[in-house]
Amino acid sequence: MRIAIDAMGGDHAPAAQVEGALLAAAEWSDTTVVLVGDSARIEPLLQGRKPANVEVRHASEIIEAEDEPVKAVRRKKDASMVIAGRMVKDREVDAMISAGNTGALMTTGLLVVGRIRGIERPALAPMLPSLDGEGVLALDLGANMDATPEQLVQYAIMGSIYRSKVHGLKEPRVGLLNVGTEAMKGNELTKAAYPLLEQAPVRFVGNIESRDILKKPCDVIVCDGFAGNIMLKSLEGAASVIFSVLKTEFTRTWYTKLAAAVVKKGIGQFRKKMDYNEHGAAPLLGVDGLVLKSHGSSNALAIKNAVRQARIAVSNELVSSIRVEISNGSE
């Protein structure tokens, strides 16, 4: 198995990418990790500790966070992200991982890797945290601001296959993000999508309110990218405020500091459940190759966990399973 990492994408590139690649290479000797990027910056970080299953593919250009996605992908042909996407397209590698510009990665998926035939729009599908630590797969959370009812059905099918193939769930429960649980609640999109999801080849459990997401009322939640991204940012903001307030309160007096020492382990476990570094990366479902988006602030652990996700997805033939299901549904 060969997995490419865009070594120049992300806030801590290329150091975090190199360290994550080394961790992954040490953990899985049957996997070759290809670091794609400026070899003059990557090689010194590998000095004296480069295992046989780590390779470097030189790329002379970098797609920056502020670059306009479509222009950058089209003009920077030798960018690390674009080269990694081309390697997926040409089947030189089984998957690619990037913590870089999200819009550019979406564009790379569409223009370089290409869509699965029958898929109208790929979807970004990160894992949202849940109290049981297992999480909820949510799509779309920002790849496309708008969606049609038919596209939500495709998201549901792809998300269900992902949870089955990668996480081993037998019959993943699929929910529709809405403002109420009643069947006829919502806007025109959700009202039209509801009966289609009832007829889709998934285990549809109805409408789900965002306030219940952390309790994991379903295994897959589908929505348009606009509503999904608002939900995601709200959860991230709430988590940030909660931990900030806890830190302030627990350091206020010596009584609270003593209390903090008692509950420190429990708070640490809760924080771990909410940490994106533990989940690794979000797949871009619907492109004809495995493309994973890591958080921009990913550290070495997040990169290693993204490789773990990629390994499982490749081993369980995720992309071909989606291809077959969508093909059968369009006949």
C-alpha atoms as a PDB file:
ATOM      1  CA  MET A   1       0.000   0.000   0.000  1.00  0.00           C
ATOM      2  CA  ARG A   2       1.265   3.474  -0.921  1.00  0.00           C
ATOM      3  CA  ILE A   3      -0.091   6.683   0.614  1.00  0.00           C
ATOM      4  CA  ALA A   4       0.915  10.212  -0.441  1.00  0.00           C
ATOM      5  CA  ILE A   5       1.066  13.081   2.040  1.00  0.00           C
ATOM      6  CA  ASP A   6       1.006  16.707   0.900  1.00  0.00           C
ATOM      7  CA  ALA A   7       3.999  17.682   3.025  1.00  0.00           C
ATOM      8  CA  MET A   8       3.631  21.419   2.378  1.00  0.00           C
ATOM      9  CA  GLY A   9      -0.030  21.851   3.353  1.00  0.00           C
ATOM     10  CA  GLY A  10      -1.058  22.941   6.856  1.00  0.00           C
ATOM     11  CA  ASP A  11      -0.034  25.289   9.648  1.00  0.00           C
ATOM     12  CA  HIS A  12       2.851  23.096  10.830  1.00  0.00           C
ATOM     13  CA  ALA A  13       4.141  21.879   7.472  1.00  0.00           C
ATOM     14  CA  PRO A  14       6.431  20.215   6.703  1.00  0.00           C
ATOM     15  CA  ALA A  15       7.545  19.252  10.250  1.00  0.00           C
ATOM     16  CA  ALA A  16       4.215  17.751  11.385  1.00  0.00           C
ATOM     17  CA  GLN A  17       3.825  15.874   8.109  1.00  0.00           C
ATOM     18  CA  VAL A  18       7.326  14.405   8.312  1.00  0.00           C
ATOM     19  CA  GLU A  19       6.913  13.365  11.956  1.00  0.00           C
ATOM     20  CA  GLY A  20       3.488  11.877  11.228  1.00  0.00           C
ATOM     21  CA  ALA A  21       4.892   9.966   8.256  1.00  0.00           C
ATOM     22  CA  LEU A  22       7.686   8.546  10.403  1.00  0.00           C
ATOM     23  CA  LEU A  23       5.202   7.465  13.080  1.00  0.00           C
ATOM     24  CA  ALA A  24       3.034   5.784  10.446  1.00  0.00           C
ATOM     25  CA  ALA A  25       5.998   4.113   8.751  1.00  0.00           C
ATOM     26  CA  ALA A  26       7.145   2.688  12.087  1.00  0.00           C
ATOM     27  CA  GLU A  27       3.632   1.433  12.911  1.00  0.00           C
ATOM     28  CA  TRP A  28       2.836  -0.138   9.523  1.00  0.00           C
ATOM     29  CA  SER A  29       5.849  -1.623   7.758  1.00  0.00           C
ATOM     30  CA  ASP A  30       3.638  -2.822   4.884  1.00  0.00           C
ATOM     31  CA  THR A  31       2.769   0.765   3.942  1.00  0.00           C
ATOM     32  CA  THR A  32       4.981   3.164   1.990  1.00  0.00           C
ATOM     33  CA  VAL A  33       4.430   6.830   2.804  1.00  0.00           C
ATOM     34  CA  VAL A  34       5.355   9.278   0.049  1.00  0.00           C
ATOM     35  CA  LEU A  35       6.059  12.827   1.255  1.00  0.00           C
ATOM     36  CA  VAL A  36       5.279  15.218  -1.595  1.00  0.00           C
ATOM     37  CA  GLY A  37       6.881  18.643  -1.338  1.00  0.00           C
ATOM     38  CA  ASP A  38      10.051  20.718  -1.327  1.00  0.00           C
ATOM     39  CA  SER A  39      12.814  18.127  -0.880  1.00  0.00           C
ATOM     40  CA  ALA A  40      15.225  20.838   0.339  1.00  0.00           C
ATOM     41  CA  ARG A  41      12.944  21.362   3.362  1.00  0.00           C
ATOM     42  CA  ILE A  42      11.872  17.743   3.851  1.00  0.00           C
ATOM     43  CA  GLU A  43      15.192  15.869   3.599  1.00  0.00           C
ATOM     44  CA  PRO A  44      16.889  17.695   6.544  1.00  0.00           C
ATOM     45  CA  LEU A  45      13.962  16.653   8.774  1.00  0.00           C
ATOM     46  CA  LEU A  46      14.569  13.027   7.768  1.00  0.00           C
ATOM     47  CA  GLN A  47      18.353  13.175   8.267  1.00  0.00           C
ATOM     48  CA  GLY A  48      19.622   9.888   9.653  1.00  0.00           C
ATOM     49  CA  ARG A  49      16.183   8.402  10.339  1.00  0.00           C
ATOM     50  CA  LYS A  50      14.593   7.732   6.967  1.00  0.00           C
ATOM     51  CA  PRO A  51      13.180   4.188   6.879  1.00  0.00           C
ATOM     52  CA  ALA A  52      12.868   2.160   3.693  1.00  0.00           C
ATOM     53  CA  ASN A  53       9.099   2.733   3.540  1.00  0.00           C
ATOM     54  CA  VAL A  54       9.297   6.547   3.435  1.00  0.00           C
ATOM     55  CA  GLU A  55       9.889   8.249   0.092  1.00  0.00           C
ATOM     56  CA  VAL A  56      10.151  11.888  -0.993  1.00  0.00           C
ATOM     57  CA  ARG A  57       8.635  13.224  -4.236  1.00  0.00           C
ATOM     58  CA  HIS A  58       9.890  16.721  -5.004  1.00  0.00           C
ATOM     59  CA  ALA A  59       7.375  19.503  -5.729  1.00  0.00           C
ATOM     60  CA  SER A  60       8.614  23.001  -6.543  1.00  0.00           C
ATOM     61  CA  GLU A  61       5.383  24.885  -5.744  1.00  0.00           C
ATOM     62  CA  ILE A  62       3.050  25.304  -2.755  1.00  0.00           C
ATOM     63  CA  ILE A  63      -0.648  26.175  -2.690  1.00  0.00           C
ATOM     64  CA  GLU A  64      -0.977  28.725   0.105  1.00  0.00           C
ATOM     65  CA  ALA A  65      -3.965  29.172   2.421  1.00  0.00           C
ATOM     66  CA  GLU A  66      -4.847  32.517   0.814  1.00  0.00           C
ATOM     67  CA  ASP A  67      -4.669  31.249  -2.798  1.00  0.00           C
ATOM     68  CA  GLU A  68      -7.849  31.219  -4.868  1.00  0.00           C
ATOM     69  CA  PRO A  69      -8.520  27.455  -5.205  1.00  0.00           C
ATOM     70  CA  VAL A  70      -9.364  27.009  -8.893  1.00  0.00           C
ATOM     71  CA  LYS A  71      -6.658  29.382 -10.143  1.00  0.00           C
ATOM     72  CA  ALA A  72      -4.054  27.822  -7.857  1.00  0.00           C
ATOM     73  CA  VAL A  73      -4.777  24.244  -8.960  1.00  0.00           C
ATOM     74  CA  ARG A  74      -4.802  25.214 -12.642  1.00  0.00           C
ATOM     75  CA  ARG A  75      -1.698  27.423 -12.561  1.00  0.00           C
ATOM     76  CA  LYS A  76       0.499  25.672 -10.015  1.00  0.00           C
ATOM     77  CA  LYS A  77       0.928  22.388 -11.856  1.00  0.00           C
ATOM     78  CA  ASP A  78       3.961  21.468  -9.738  1.00  0.00           C
ATOM     79  CA  ALA A  79       2.314  22.173  -6.369  1.00  0.00           C
ATOM     80  CA  SER A  80       2.605  19.415  -3.767  1.00  0.00           C
ATOM     81  CA  MET A  81      -1.178  19.036  -3.498  1.00  0.00           C
ATOM     82  CA  VAL A  82      -1.672  18.818  -7.258  1.00  0.00           C
ATOM     83  CA  ILE A  83       1.135  16.275  -7.700  1.00  0.00           C
ATOM     84  CA  ALA A  84      -0.319  14.118  -4.899  1.00  0.00           C
ATOM     85  CA  GLY A  85      -3.732  14.287  -6.609  1.00  0.00           C
ATOM     86  CA  ARG A  86      -2.161  13.282  -9.922  1.00  0.00           C
ATOM     87  CA  MET A  87      -0.510  10.322  -8.212  1.00  0.00           C
ATOM     88  CA  VAL A  88      -3.957   9.175  -7.012  1.00  0.00           C
ATOM     89  CA  LYS A  89      -5.415   9.680 -10.491  1.00  0.00           C
ATOM     90  CA  ASP A  90      -2.580   7.679 -12.110  1.00  0.00           C
ATOM     91  CA  ARG A  91      -2.842   4.951  -9.436  1.00  0.00           C
ATOM     92  CA  GLU A  92       0.762   5.556  -8.331  1.00  0.00           C
ATOM     93  CA  VAL A  93      -0.590   5.734  -4.775  1.00  0.00           C
ATOM     94  CA  ASP A  94      -3.711   4.331  -3.130  1.00  0.00           C
ATOM     95  CA  ALA A  95      -4.615   7.528  -1.259  1.00  0.00           C
ATOM     96  CA  MET A  96      -3.542  11.103  -0.542  1.00  0.00           C
ATOM     97  CA  ILE A  97      -3.717  13.203   2.633  1.00  0.00           C
ATOM     98  CA  SER A  98      -3.520  16.999   2.881  1.00  0.00           C
ATOM     99  CA  ALA A  99      -3.913  19.532   5.673  1.00  0.00           C
ATOM    100  CA  GLY A 100      -3.750  22.388   3.171  1.00  0.00           C
ATOM    101  CA  ASN A 101      -6.243  24.781   1.558  1.00  0.00           C
ATOM    102  CA  THR A 102      -9.662  23.046   1.733  1.00  0.00           C
ATOM    103  CA  GLY A 103     -11.028  24.721  -1.386  1.00  0.00           C
ATOM    104  CA  ALA A 104      -7.914  23.798  -3.340  1.00  0.00           C
ATOM    105  CA  LEU A 105      -8.167  20.178  -2.184  1.00  0.00           C
ATOM    106  CA  MET A 106     -11.810  20.106  -3.306  1.00  0.00           C
ATOM    107  CA  THR A 107     -10.728  21.486  -6.670  1.00  0.00           C
ATOM    108  CA  THR A 108      -7.894  18.951  -6.874  1.00  0.00           C
ATOM    109  CA  GLY A 109     -10.399  16.192  -6.189  1.00  0.00           C
ATOM    110  CA  LEU A 110     -12.712  17.429  -8.944  1.00  0.00           C
ATOM    111  CA  LEU A 111     -10.259  18.581 -11.636  1.00  0.00           C
ATOM    112  CA  VAL A 112      -7.294  16.269 -11.049  1.00  0.00           C
ATOM    113  CA  VAL A 113      -8.648  13.052  -9.496  1.00  0.00           C
ATOM    114  CA  GLY A 114     -12.149  13.316 -10.986  1.00  0.00           C
ATOM    115  CA  ARG A 115     -15.610  12.331  -9.745  1.00  0.00           C
ATOM    116  CA  ILE A 116     -17.072   8.846  -9.554  1.00  0.00           C
ATOM    117  CA  ARG A 117     -19.458   8.465 -12.473  1.00  0.00           C
ATOM    118  CA  GLY A 118     -22.993   9.215 -11.300  1.00  0.00           C
ATOM    119  CA  ILE A 119     -21.943  11.370  -8.347  1.00  0.00           C
ATOM    120  CA  GLU A 120     -23.229  14.911  -8.809  1.00  0.00           C
ATOM    121  CA  ARG A 121     -21.105  16.541  -6.101  1.00  0.00           C
ATOM    122  CA  PRO A 122     -18.441  15.147  -3.767  1.00  0.00           C
ATOM    123  CA  ALA A 123     -18.900  15.853  -0.063  1.00  0.00           C
ATOM    124  CA  LEU A 124     -16.494  16.587   2.775  1.00  0.00           C
ATOM    125  CA  ALA A 125     -17.265  14.148   5.585  1.00  0.00           C
ATOM    126  CA  PRO A 126     -15.537  14.787   8.933  1.00  0.00           C
ATOM    127  CA  MET A 127     -16.334  12.971  12.157  1.00  0.00           C
ATOM    128  CA  LEU A 128     -18.171  15.034  14.772  1.00  0.00           C
ATOM    129  CA  PRO A 129     -17.437  14.107  18.395  1.00  0.00           C
ATOM    130  CA  SER A 130     -19.990  12.265  20.500  1.00  0.00           C
ATOM    131  CA  LEU A 131     -20.165  11.489  24.211  1.00  0.00           C
ATOM    132  CA  ASP A 132     -19.470   7.787  23.651  1.00  0.00           C
ATOM    133  CA  GLY A 133     -16.239   8.636  21.829  1.00  0.00           C
ATOM    134  CA  GLU A 134     -17.290   6.962  18.569  1.00  0.00           C
ATOM    135  CA  GLY A 135     -18.456  10.081  16.738  1.00  0.00           C
ATOM    136  CA  VAL A 136     -20.965  10.902  14.014  1.00  0.00           C
ATOM    137  CA  LEU A 137     -19.974  11.136  10.336  1.00  0.00           C
ATOM    138  CA  ALA A 138     -21.370  14.367   8.902  1.00  0.00           C
ATOM    139  CA  LEU A 139     -21.656  15.323   5.237  1.00  0.00           C
ATOM    140  CA  ASP A 140     -21.553  17.729   3.615  1.00  0.00           C
ATOM    141  CA  LEU A 141     -19.766  20.146   5.977  1.00  0.00           C
ATOM    142  CA  GLY A 142     -18.541  22.742   3.547  1.00  0.00           C
ATOM    143  CA  ALA A 143     -17.528  21.330   0.177  1.00  0.00           C
ATOM    144  CA  ASN A 144     -20.763  22.649  -1.405  1.00  0.00           C
ATOM    145  CA  MET A 145     -22.894  25.383   0.136  1.00  0.00           C
ATOM    146  CA  ASP A 146     -26.075  24.206  -1.608  1.00  0.00           C
ATOM    147  CA  ALA A 147     -27.495  20.768  -2.347  1.00  0.00           C
ATOM    148  CA  THR A 148     -30.493  19.170  -4.008  1.00  0.00           C
ATOM    149  CA  PRO A 149     -32.624  16.469  -2.366  1.00  0.00           C
ATOM    150  CA  GLU A 150     -31.067  13.904  -4.728  1.00  0.00           C
ATOM    151  CA  GLN A 151     -27.578  14.970  -3.683  1.00  0.00           C
ATOM    152  CA  LEU A 152     -28.482  14.495  -0.012  1.00  0.00           C
ATOM    153  CA  VAL A 153     -29.497  10.929  -0.880  1.00  0.00           C
ATOM    154  CA  GLN A 154     -26.095  10.380  -2.501  1.00  0.00           C
ATOM    155  CA  TYR A 155     -24.427  11.787   0.636  1.00  0.00           C
ATOM    156  CA  ALA A 156     -26.440   9.341   2.735  1.00  0.00           C
ATOM    157  CA  ILE A 157     -25.389   6.372   0.595  1.00  0.00           C
ATOM    158  CA  MET A 158     -21.710   7.363   0.577  1.00  0.00           C
ATOM    159  CA  GLY A 159     -21.681   8.098   4.305  1.00  0.00           C
ATOM    160  CA  SER A 160     -23.362   4.797   5.105  1.00  0.00           C
ATOM    161  CA  ILE A 161     -20.812   2.876   3.021  1.00  0.00           C
ATOM    162  CA  TYR A 162     -17.939   4.756   4.681  1.00  0.00           C
ATOM    163  CA  ARG A 163     -19.103   3.929   8.203  1.00  0.00           C
ATOM    164  CA  SER A 164     -19.658   0.333   7.220  1.00  0.00           C
ATOM    165  CA  LYS A 165     -16.326  -0.158   5.426  1.00  0.00           C
ATOM    166  CA  VAL A 166     -14.047   1.979   7.614  1.00  0.00           C
ATOM    167  CA  HIS A 167     -15.688   1.747  11.035  1.00  0.00           C
ATOM    168  CA  GLY A 168     -17.229  -1.694  10.772  1.00  0.00           C
ATOM    169  CA  LEU A 169     -20.833  -0.696  11.513  1.00  0.00           C
ATOM    170  CA  LYS A 170     -23.290  -3.280  10.239  1.00  0.00           C
ATOM    171  CA  GLU A 171     -26.287  -1.039   9.535  1.00  0.00           C
ATOM    172  CA  PRO A 172     -25.288   2.612  10.077  1.00  0.00           C
ATOM    173  CA  ARG A 173     -28.186   4.833  11.106  1.00  0.00           C
ATOM    174  CA  VAL A 174     -28.637   7.833   8.798  1.00  0.00           C
ATOM    175  CA  GLY A 175     -30.272  11.047   9.968  1.00  0.00           C
ATOM    176  CA  LEU A 176     -31.279  14.279   8.224  1.00  0.00           C
ATOM    177  CA  LEU A 177     -30.204  17.519   9.929  1.00  0.00           C
ATOM    178  CA  ASN A 178     -33.307  19.588  10.605  1.00  0.00           C
ATOM    179  CA  VAL A 179     -34.935  22.105  12.955  1.00  0.00           C
ATOM    180  CA  GLY A 180     -37.322  19.497  14.362  1.00  0.00           C
ATOM    181  CA  THR A 181     -37.840  15.744  14.426  1.00  0.00           C
ATOM    182  CA  GLU A 182     -41.268  15.706  12.773  1.00  0.00           C
ATOM    183  CA  ALA A 183     -41.296  14.417   9.180  1.00  0.00           C
ATOM    184  CA  MET A 184     -42.676  17.617   7.624  1.00  0.00           C
ATOM    185  CA  LYS A 185     -40.455  20.071   9.518  1.00  0.00           C
ATOM    186  CA  GLY A 186     -37.801  22.152   7.794  1.00  0.00           C
ATOM    187  CA  ASN A 187     -37.238  24.058   4.571  1.00  0.00           C
ATOM    188  CA  GLU A 188     -38.024  23.007   1.010  1.00  0.00           C
ATOM    189  CA  LEU A 189     -34.794  21.002   0.753  1.00  0.00           C
ATOM    190  CA  THR A 190     -35.338  18.842   3.839  1.00  0.00           C
ATOM    191  CA  LYS A 191     -39.048  18.346   3.139  1.00  0.00           C
ATOM    192  CA  ALA A 192     -38.241  17.060  -0.346  1.00  0.00           C
ATOM    193  CA  ALA A 193     -35.289  14.952   0.819  1.00  0.00           C
ATOM    194  CA  TYR A 194     -37.176  13.151   3.613  1.00  0.00           C
ATOM    195  CA  PRO A 195     -39.322  10.821   1.431  1.00  0.00           C
ATOM    196  CA  LEU A 196     -36.368  10.146  -0.890  1.00  0.00           C
ATOM    197  CA  LEU A 197     -34.241   9.067   2.071  1.00  0.00           C
ATOM    198  CA  GLU A 198     -37.055   6.784   3.232  1.00  0.00           C
ATOM    199  CA  GLN A 199     -36.806   4.980  -0.110  1.00  0.00           C
ATOM    200  CA  ALA A 200     -32.991   4.995  -0.290  1.00  0.00           C
ATOM    201  CA  PRO A 201     -30.877   1.859   0.370  1.00  0.00           C
ATOM    202  CA  VAL A 202     -29.858   3.131   3.822  1.00  0.00           C
ATOM    203  CA  ARG A 203     -31.169   2.771   7.377  1.00  0.00           C
ATOM    204  CA  PHE A 204     -32.893   6.163   7.609  1.00  0.00           C
ATOM    205  CA  VAL A 205     -33.960   7.166  11.146  1.00  0.00           C
ATOM    206  CA  GLY A 206     -35.556  10.519  10.358  1.00  0.00           C
ATOM    207  CA  ASN A 207     -34.859  14.138  11.223  1.00  0.00           C
ATOM    208  CA  ILE A 208     -32.182  15.013  13.771  1.00  0.00           C
ATOM    209  CA  GLU A 209     -31.759  18.319  15.626  1.00  0.00           C
ATOM    210  CA  SER A 210     -28.241  19.706  15.974  1.00  0.00           C
ATOM    211  CA  ARG A 211     -28.565  19.947  19.762  1.00  0.00           C
ATOM    212  CA  ASP A 212     -28.677  16.141  19.917  1.00  0.00           C
ATOM    213  CA  ILE A 213     -25.597  15.430  17.773  1.00  0.00           C
ATOM    214  CA  LEU A 214     -23.213  14.920  20.723  1.00  0.00           C
ATOM    215  CA  LYS A 215     -25.565  12.212  22.059  1.00  0.00           C
ATOM    216  CA  LYS A 216     -25.121  10.297  18.753  1.00  0.00           C
ATOM    217  CA  PRO A 217     -28.757   9.797  17.687  1.00  0.00           C
ATOM    218  CA  CYS A 218     -27.420   8.466  14.378  1.00  0.00           C
ATOM    219  CA  ASP A 219     -24.142   7.291  12.840  1.00  0.00           C
ATOM    220  CA  VAL A 220     -24.343   9.478   9.716  1.00  0.00           C
ATOM    221  CA  ILE A 221     -25.919  12.936   9.495  1.00  0.00           C
ATOM    222  CA  VAL A 222     -26.603  14.505   6.081  1.00  0.00           C
ATOM    223  CA  CYS A 223     -27.123  18.176   5.259  1.00  0.00           C
ATOM    224  CA  ASP A 224     -26.172  20.859   2.762  1.00  0.00           C
ATOM    225  CA  GLY A 225     -22.722  22.413   3.256  1.00  0.00           C
ATOM    226  CA  PHE A 226     -24.101  25.751   4.471  1.00  0.00           C
ATOM    227  CA  ALA A 227     -26.092  24.317   7.402  1.00  0.00           C
ATOM    228  CA  GLY A 228     -23.419  21.704   8.076  1.00  0.00           C
ATOM    229  CA  ASN A 229     -20.569  24.189   8.306  1.00  0.00           C
ATOM    230  CA  ILE A 230     -22.564  26.406  10.677  1.00  0.00           C
ATOM    231  CA  MET A 231     -23.206  23.359  12.878  1.00  0.00           C
ATOM    232  CA  LEU A 232     -19.512  22.411  12.811  1.00  0.00           C
ATOM    233  CA  LYS A 233     -18.290  25.922  13.689  1.00  0.00           C
ATOM    234  CA  SER A 234     -20.888  26.165  16.485  1.00  0.00           C
ATOM    235  CA  LEU A 235     -19.664  22.894  18.026  1.00  0.00           C
ATOM    236  CA  GLU A 236     -16.017  23.959  17.745  1.00  0.00           C
ATOM    237  CA  GLY A 237     -16.798  27.343  19.300  1.00  0.00           C
ATOM    238  CA  ALA A 238     -18.811  25.829  22.149  1.00  0.00           C
ATOM    239  CA  ALA A 239     -16.044  23.327  22.955  1.00  0.00           C
ATOM    240  CA  SER A 240     -13.426  26.088  22.958  1.00  0.00           C
ATOM    241  CA  VAL A 241     -15.478  28.271  25.327  1.00  0.00           C
ATOM    242  CA  ILE A 242     -16.264  25.359  27.668  1.00  0.00           C
ATOM    243  CA  PHE A 243     -12.601  24.419  28.122  1.00  0.00           C
ATOM    244  CA  SER A 244     -11.622  28.080  28.528  1.00  0.00           C
ATOM    245  CA  VAL A 245     -14.234  28.614  31.258  1.00  0.00           C
ATOM    246  CA  LEU A 246     -13.247  25.383  33.030  1.00  0.00           C
ATOM    247  CA  LYS A 247      -9.601  26.472  33.074  1.00  0.00           C
ATOM    248  CA  THR A 248     -10.525  29.866  34.543  1.00  0.00           C
ATOM    249  CA  GLU A 249     -12.829  28.411  37.200  1.00  0.00           C
ATOM    250  CA  PHE A 250     -10.443  25.637  38.255  1.00  0.00           C
ATOM    251  CA  THR A 251      -7.579  28.072  38.819  1.00  0.00           C
ATOM    252  CA  ARG A 252      -9.589  30.689  40.735  1.00  0.00           C
ATOM    253  CA  THR A 253      -8.785  29.581  44.319  1.00  0.00           C
ATOM    254  CA  TRP A 254      -6.840  26.853  46.084  1.00  0.00           C
ATOM    255  CA  TYR A 255     -10.173  25.053  46.693  1.00  0.00           C
ATOM    256  CA  THR A 256     -10.903  24.924  42.968  1.00  0.00           C
ATOM    257  CA  LYS A 257      -7.303  23.937  42.193  1.00  0.00           C
ATOM    258  CA  LEU A 258      -7.734  20.999  44.566  1.00  0.00           C
ATOM    259  CA  ALA A 259     -10.994  20.087  42.834  1.00  0.00           C
ATOM    260  CA  ALA A 260      -9.247  20.313  39.470  1.00  0.00           C
ATOM    261  CA  ALA A 261      -6.658  17.773  40.603  1.00  0.00           C
ATOM    262  CA  VAL A 262      -9.455  15.343  41.477  1.00  0.00           C
ATOM    263  CA  VAL A 263     -11.310  15.624  38.148  1.00  0.00           C
ATOM    264  CA  LYS A 264      -8.262  16.202  35.920  1.00  0.00           C
ATOM    265  CA  LYS A 265      -8.287  12.676  34.472  1.00  0.00           C
ATOM    266  CA  GLY A 266     -11.981  12.819  33.568  1.00  0.00           C
ATOM    267  CA  ILE A 267     -11.658  16.225  31.929  1.00  0.00           C
ATOM    268  CA  GLY A 268      -8.648  14.976  29.991  1.00  0.00           C
ATOM    269  CA  GLN A 269     -10.638  12.030  28.659  1.00  0.00           C
ATOM    270  CA  PHE A 270     -13.503  14.331  27.652  1.00  0.00           C
ATOM    271  CA  ARG A 271     -11.095  16.683  25.891  1.00  0.00           C
ATOM    272  CA  LYS A 272      -9.590  13.744  24.011  1.00  0.00           C
ATOM    273  CA  LYS A 273     -13.061  12.826  22.713  1.00  0.00           C
ATOM    274  CA  MET A 274     -13.434  16.384  21.364  1.00  0.00           C
ATOM    275  CA  ASP A 275      -9.939  16.533  19.819  1.00  0.00           C
ATOM    276  CA  TYR A 276      -9.818  16.501  15.998  1.00  0.00           C
ATOM    277  CA  ASN A 277      -6.262  15.110  16.155  1.00  0.00           C
ATOM    278  CA  GLU A 278      -7.721  11.822  17.397  1.00  0.00           C
ATOM    279  CA  HIS A 279     -10.008  11.498  14.365  1.00  0.00           C
ATOM    280  CA  GLY A 280      -7.251  12.157  11.839  1.00  0.00           C
ATOM    281  CA  ALA A 281      -8.921  13.375   8.661  1.00  0.00           C
ATOM    282  CA  ALA A 282     -12.149  13.833   6.713  1.00  0.00           C
ATOM    283  CA  PRO A 283     -12.622  11.908   3.467  1.00  0.00           C
ATOM    284  CA  LEU A 284     -13.730  13.699   0.318  1.00  0.00           C
ATOM    285  CA  LEU A 285     -16.413  11.207  -0.679  1.00  0.00           C
ATOM    286  CA  GLY A 286     -17.503  11.002  -4.301  1.00  0.00           C
ATOM    287  CA  VAL A 287     -14.152  11.469  -6.041  1.00  0.00           C
ATOM    288  CA  ASP A 288     -12.708   8.518  -7.954  1.00  0.00           C
ATOM    289  CA  GLY A 289      -9.829   7.949  -5.566  1.00  0.00           C
ATOM    290  CA  LEU A 290      -9.202   8.232  -1.843  1.00  0.00           C
ATOM    291  CA  VAL A 291      -8.602  11.853  -0.808  1.00  0.00           C
ATOM    292  CA  LEU A 292      -8.446  12.802   2.885  1.00  0.00           C
ATOM    293  CA  LYS A 293      -8.490  16.317   4.374  1.00  0.00           C
ATOM    294  CA  SER A 294      -6.689  16.804   7.678  1.00  0.00           C
ATOM    295  CA  HIS A 295      -7.325  19.805   9.904  1.00  0.00           C
ATOM    296  CA  GLY A 296      -5.120  22.787   9.056  1.00  0.00           C
ATOM    297  CA  SER A 297      -3.567  22.689  12.530  1.00  0.00           C
ATOM    298  CA  SER A 298      -2.891  18.952  12.421  1.00  0.00           C
ATOM    299  CA  ASN A 299       0.062  17.691  14.446  1.00  0.00           C
ATOM    300  CA  ALA A 300       2.067  14.511  13.870  1.00  0.00           C
ATOM    301  CA  LEU A 301      -0.546  12.377  15.678  1.00  0.00           C
ATOM    302  CA  ALA A 302      -3.312  13.664  13.399  1.00  0.00           C
ATOM    303  CA  ILE A 303      -1.247  12.861  10.314  1.00  0.00           C
ATOM    304  CA  LYS A 304      -0.521   9.357  11.604  1.00  0.00           C
ATOM    305  CA  ASN A 305      -4.220   8.810  12.348  1.00  0.00           C
ATOM    306  CA  ALA A 306      -5.066  10.012   8.828  1.00  0.00           C
ATOM    307  CA  VAL A 307      -2.736   7.325   7.454  1.00  0.00           C
ATOM    308  CA  ARG A 308      -4.529   4.781   9.659  1.00  0.00           C
ATOM    309  CA  GLN A 309      -7.887   5.870   8.209  1.00  0.00           C
ATOM    310  CA  ALA A 310      -6.510   5.689   4.681  1.00  0.00           C
ATOM    311  CA  ARG A 311      -5.166   2.176   5.273  1.00  0.00           C
ATOM    312  CA  ILE A 312      -8.539   0.917   6.500  1.00  0.00           C
ATOM    313  CA  ALA A 313     -10.432   2.591   3.650  1.00  0.00           C
ATOM    314  CA  VAL A 314      -8.087   1.156   1.022  1.00  0.00           C
ATOM    315  CA  SER A 315      -8.138  -2.330   2.559  1.00  0.00           C
ATOM    316  CA  ASN A 316     -11.934  -2.350   2.590  1.00  0.00           C
ATOM    317  CA  GLU A 317     -12.219  -1.021  -0.979  1.00  0.00           C
ATOM    318  CA  LEU A 318     -14.205   2.077   0.010  1.00  0.00           C
ATOM    319  CA  VAL A 319     -14.049   3.900  -3.325  1.00  0.00           C
ATOM    320  CA  SER A 320     -14.955   0.866  -5.432  1.00  0.00           C
ATOM    321  CA  SER A 321     -17.854   0.078  -3.052  1.00  0.00           C
ATOM    322  CA  ILE A 322     -19.272   3.589  -3.552  1.00  0.00           C
ATOM    323  CA  ARG A 323     -18.701   3.268  -7.295  1.00  0.00           C
ATOM    324  CA  VAL A 324     -20.665  -0.005  -7.438  1.00  0.00           C
ATOM    325  CA  GLU A 325     -23.532   1.245  -5.239  1.00  0.00           C
ATOM    326  CA  ILE A 326     -23.985   4.475  -7.213  1.00  0.00           C
ATOM    327  CA  SER A 327     -23.774   2.563 -10.500  1.00  0.00           C
ATOM    328  CA  ASN A 328     -26.470   0.113  -9.360  1.00  0.00           C
ATOM    329  CA  GLY A 329     -28.687   2.955  -8.186  1.00  0.00           C
ATOM    330  CA  SER A 330     -28.505   4.746 -11.535  1.00  0.00           C
ATOM    331  CA  GLU A 331     -29.483   1.723 -13.604  1.00  0.00           C
END
